[in-house]
Amino acid sequence: MPEEPQKPARSAPNAVMAIILVGAALVAILGTILPALIDLAGTPALILRLAFYGVALVDVAVAFWLRDRIRKAQASRTGGAVQRQ
């Protein structure tokens, strides 16, 4: 007899978002430290930092977007009875 598929946890959207935000924080920290590690100064260092900060900002936007999409998908699954026209 086949087993029923497990339902995703209600906290899944928050867990995914938290993981992505931690990754974004690591990218921002790397962008702060990396220019000093490779002895960059002036404009190239600023451009490198801004590039890493931009990637971190995009990661944050993706985290919020993905959390919203997962919540909408979970809400559509728990609809109850199917209504037919």
N, C-alpha and C. Protein backbone atom coordinates (compact mmCIF):
# COMPACT_ATOMS: atom_id res chain seq x y z
N MET A 1 0.84 -1.17 0.00
CA MET A 1 0.00 0.00 0.00
C MET A 1 0.89 1.25 0.00
N PRO A 2 0.71 2.15 -0.96
CA PRO A 2 1.58 3.33 -1.03
C PRO A 2 1.33 4.28 0.12
N GLU A 3 2.42 4.88 0.56
CA GLU A 3 2.32 5.83 1.66
C GLU A 3 1.85 7.18 1.14
N GLU A 4 1.14 7.91 1.97
CA GLU A 4 0.71 9.25 1.60
C GLU A 4 1.90 10.19 1.65
N PRO A 5 1.99 11.12 0.68
CA PRO A 5 3.10 12.06 0.71
C PRO A 5 3.00 12.98 1.92
N GLN A 6 4.15 13.33 2.47
CA GLN A 6 4.17 14.19 3.64
C GLN A 6 3.81 15.62 3.24
N LYS A 7 3.06 16.27 4.09
CA LYS A 7 2.74 17.67 3.86
C LYS A 7 3.91 18.53 4.32
N PRO A 8 4.21 19.58 3.57
CA PRO A 8 5.31 20.45 4.01
C PRO A 8 4.95 21.16 5.31
N ALA A 9 5.96 21.43 6.09
CA ALA A 9 5.76 22.09 7.37
C ALA A 9 5.26 23.52 7.15
N ARG A 10 4.48 24.01 8.08
CA ARG A 10 3.96 25.38 7.98
C ARG A 10 5.09 26.40 8.13
N SER A 11 6.18 26.00 8.74
CA SER A 11 7.30 26.92 8.94
C SER A 11 8.30 26.88 7.79
N ALA A 12 8.01 26.12 6.75
CA ALA A 12 8.94 26.00 5.63
C ALA A 12 9.27 27.35 4.97
N PRO A 13 8.30 28.22 4.72
CA PRO A 13 8.66 29.51 4.10
C PRO A 13 9.63 30.33 4.95
N ASN A 14 9.43 30.31 6.25
CA ASN A 14 10.33 31.07 7.14
C ASN A 14 11.71 30.44 7.20
N ALA A 15 11.78 29.12 7.16
CA ALA A 15 13.08 28.45 7.19
C ALA A 15 13.86 28.73 5.92
N VAL A 16 13.20 28.68 4.77
CA VAL A 16 13.87 28.98 3.50
C VAL A 16 14.36 30.42 3.50
N MET A 17 13.52 31.32 3.98
CA MET A 17 13.89 32.73 4.01
C MET A 17 15.09 32.95 4.94
N ALA A 18 15.10 32.31 6.08
CA ALA A 18 16.20 32.47 7.02
C ALA A 18 17.52 31.97 6.43
N ILE A 19 17.47 30.86 5.73
CA ILE A 19 18.67 30.31 5.12
C ILE A 19 19.21 31.25 4.05
N ILE A 20 18.32 31.80 3.23
CA ILE A 20 18.76 32.73 2.19
C ILE A 20 19.31 34.01 2.80
N LEU A 21 18.69 34.50 3.87
CA LEU A 21 19.18 35.71 4.52
C LEU A 21 20.56 35.51 5.14
N VAL A 22 20.79 34.33 5.70
CA VAL A 22 22.13 34.03 6.24
C VAL A 22 23.15 34.03 5.11
N GLY A 23 22.78 33.47 3.97
CA GLY A 23 23.68 33.48 2.81
C GLY A 23 23.95 34.90 2.33
N ALA A 24 22.93 35.75 2.34
CA ALA A 24 23.11 37.14 1.93
C ALA A 24 24.04 37.88 2.90
N ALA A 25 23.91 37.58 4.18
CA ALA A 25 24.79 38.20 5.16
C ALA A 25 26.24 37.76 4.94
N LEU A 26 26.44 36.49 4.62
CA LEU A 26 27.79 36.00 4.35
C LEU A 26 28.38 36.66 3.10
N VAL A 27 27.56 36.86 2.08
CA VAL A 27 28.03 37.54 0.87
C VAL A 27 28.43 38.97 1.20
N ALA A 28 27.63 39.66 2.00
CA ALA A 28 27.96 41.04 2.38
C ALA A 28 29.24 41.10 3.21
N ILE A 29 29.42 40.16 4.12
CA ILE A 29 30.64 40.11 4.93
C ILE A 29 31.85 39.84 4.03
N LEU A 30 31.70 38.92 3.10
CA LEU A 30 32.78 38.63 2.17
C LEU A 30 33.13 39.86 1.34
N GLY A 31 32.11 40.60 0.91
CA GLY A 31 32.35 41.82 0.15
C GLY A 31 33.06 42.88 0.96
N THR A 32 32.87 42.88 2.24
CA THR A 32 33.55 43.84 3.12
C THR A 32 35.01 43.45 3.33
N ILE A 33 35.28 42.17 3.49
CA ILE A 33 36.61 41.69 3.83
C ILE A 33 37.50 41.49 2.60
N LEU A 34 36.93 41.05 1.50
CA LEU A 34 37.71 40.64 0.34
C LEU A 34 38.65 41.71 -0.22
N PRO A 35 38.22 42.97 -0.38
CA PRO A 35 39.17 43.96 -0.93
C PRO A 35 40.43 44.12 -0.08
N ALA A 36 40.30 44.04 1.22
CA ALA A 36 41.49 44.15 2.09
C ALA A 36 42.38 42.92 1.95
N LEU A 37 41.77 41.76 1.75
CA LEU A 37 42.56 40.53 1.63
C LEU A 37 43.40 40.50 0.35
N ILE A 38 42.86 41.10 -0.71
CA ILE A 38 43.60 41.08 -1.97
C ILE A 38 44.29 42.41 -2.24
N ASP A 39 44.42 43.24 -1.23
CA ASP A 39 45.13 44.52 -1.28
C ASP A 39 44.60 45.47 -2.36
N LEU A 40 43.29 45.57 -2.45
CA LEU A 40 42.68 46.55 -3.34
C LEU A 40 42.42 47.83 -2.55
N ALA A 41 42.54 48.94 -3.23
CA ALA A 41 42.26 50.23 -2.59
C ALA A 41 41.64 51.16 -3.63
N GLY A 42 40.98 52.17 -3.14
CA GLY A 42 40.41 53.18 -4.03
C GLY A 42 39.17 52.71 -4.74
N THR A 43 39.03 53.14 -5.99
CA THR A 43 37.83 52.87 -6.77
C THR A 43 37.60 51.38 -7.02
N PRO A 44 38.61 50.59 -7.38
CA PRO A 44 38.36 49.16 -7.58
C PRO A 44 37.81 48.46 -6.33
N ALA A 45 38.30 48.84 -5.17
CA ALA A 45 37.79 48.25 -3.93
C ALA A 45 36.34 48.64 -3.70
N LEU A 46 36.02 49.90 -3.98
CA LEU A 46 34.64 50.36 -3.82
C LEU A 46 33.70 49.64 -4.78
N ILE A 47 34.12 49.46 -6.02
CA ILE A 47 33.30 48.76 -7.01
C ILE A 47 33.08 47.31 -6.59
N LEU A 48 34.13 46.66 -6.11
CA LEU A 48 34.00 45.27 -5.66
C LEU A 48 33.03 45.17 -4.48
N ARG A 49 33.16 46.06 -3.52
CA ARG A 49 32.25 46.05 -2.37
C ARG A 49 30.81 46.28 -2.81
N LEU A 50 30.60 47.26 -3.69
CA LEU A 50 29.24 47.55 -4.16
C LEU A 50 28.65 46.37 -4.93
N ALA A 51 29.49 45.67 -5.68
CA ALA A 51 29.01 44.49 -6.41
C ALA A 51 28.53 43.41 -5.43
N PHE A 52 29.32 43.16 -4.40
CA PHE A 52 28.92 42.15 -3.41
C PHE A 52 27.68 42.59 -2.65
N TYR A 53 27.60 43.86 -2.30
CA TYR A 53 26.42 44.36 -1.61
C TYR A 53 25.19 44.28 -2.50
N GLY A 54 25.36 44.51 -3.79
CA GLY A 54 24.25 44.37 -4.73
C GLY A 54 23.74 42.95 -4.81
N VAL A 55 24.66 42.00 -4.84
CA VAL A 55 24.28 40.59 -4.85
C VAL A 55 23.54 40.23 -3.56
N ALA A 56 24.02 40.73 -2.44
CA ALA A 56 23.34 40.47 -1.16
C ALA A 56 21.94 41.07 -1.15
N LEU A 57 21.79 42.25 -1.73
CA LEU A 57 20.47 42.88 -1.80
C LEU A 57 19.52 42.09 -2.68
N VAL A 58 20.02 41.57 -3.79
CA VAL A 58 19.20 40.72 -4.65
C VAL A 58 18.80 39.45 -3.91
N ASP A 59 19.72 38.88 -3.14
CA ASP A 59 19.40 37.69 -2.34
C ASP A 59 18.27 37.96 -1.35
N VAL A 60 18.29 39.12 -0.72
CA VAL A 60 17.23 39.47 0.23
C VAL A 60 15.89 39.58 -0.51
N ALA A 61 15.89 40.21 -1.68
CA ALA A 61 14.66 40.34 -2.46
C ALA A 61 14.14 38.96 -2.88
N VAL A 62 15.03 38.07 -3.28
CA VAL A 62 14.64 36.71 -3.66
C VAL A 62 14.07 35.97 -2.45
N ALA A 63 14.62 36.18 -1.28
CA ALA A 63 14.13 35.51 -0.07
C ALA A 63 12.68 35.91 0.21
N PHE A 64 12.39 37.21 0.14
CA PHE A 64 11.02 37.65 0.39
C PHE A 64 10.06 37.14 -0.70
N TRP A 65 10.51 37.17 -1.95
CA TRP A 65 9.67 36.71 -3.05
C TRP A 65 9.38 35.22 -2.92
N LEU A 66 10.42 34.44 -2.62
CA LEU A 66 10.24 32.99 -2.50
C LEU A 66 9.36 32.62 -1.32
N ARG A 67 9.50 33.33 -0.20
CA ARG A 67 8.63 33.07 0.94
C ARG A 67 7.17 33.30 0.58
N ASP A 68 6.92 34.37 -0.15
CA ASP A 68 5.55 34.68 -0.58
C ASP A 68 5.01 33.60 -1.51
N ARG A 69 5.83 33.14 -2.45
CA ARG A 69 5.39 32.10 -3.39
C ARG A 69 5.10 30.78 -2.66
N ILE A 70 5.94 30.43 -1.69
CA ILE A 70 5.71 29.18 -0.95
C ILE A 70 4.43 29.28 -0.13
N ARG A 71 4.20 30.42 0.50
CA ARG A 71 2.96 30.60 1.27
C ARG A 71 1.73 30.51 0.39
N LYS A 72 1.79 31.12 -0.80
CA LYS A 72 0.65 31.03 -1.72
C LYS A 72 0.42 29.60 -2.19
N ALA A 73 1.49 28.87 -2.45
CA ALA A 73 1.37 27.47 -2.86
C ALA A 73 0.77 26.63 -1.75
N GLN A 74 1.19 26.87 -0.51
CA GLN A 74 0.62 26.12 0.61
C GLN A 74 -0.84 26.46 0.81
N ALA A 75 -1.20 27.72 0.62
CA ALA A 75 -2.60 28.12 0.80
C ALA A 75 -3.49 27.49 -0.26
N SER A 76 -2.98 27.35 -1.47
CA SER A 76 -3.80 26.77 -2.53
C SER A 76 -3.96 25.26 -2.34
N ARG A 77 -3.02 24.62 -1.66
CA ARG A 77 -3.10 23.18 -1.41
C ARG A 77 -4.11 22.84 -0.33
N THR A 78 -4.28 23.71 0.63
CA THR A 78 -5.15 23.41 1.77
C THR A 78 -6.55 23.96 1.55
N GLY A 79 -7.03 23.92 0.34
CA GLY A 79 -8.31 24.53 0.00
C GLY A 79 -9.52 23.73 0.44
N GLY A 80 -9.37 22.47 0.73
CA GLY A 80 -10.53 21.68 1.13
C GLY A 80 -11.16 21.00 -0.09
N ALA A 81 -12.46 21.03 -0.18
CA ALA A 81 -13.17 20.34 -1.26
C ALA A 81 -12.94 21.07 -2.59
N VAL A 82 -12.90 20.28 -3.65
CA VAL A 82 -12.72 20.83 -4.99
C VAL A 82 -14.06 21.34 -5.49
N GLN A 83 -14.08 22.54 -5.97
CA GLN A 83 -15.32 23.12 -6.50
C GLN A 83 -15.27 23.04 -8.01
N ARG A 84 -16.30 22.43 -8.58
CA ARG A 84 -16.37 22.30 -10.05
C ARG A 84 -17.51 23.12 -10.57
N GLN A 85 -17.31 23.59 -11.77
CA GLN A 85 -18.36 24.44 -12.36
C GLN A 85 -19.25 23.63 -13.27
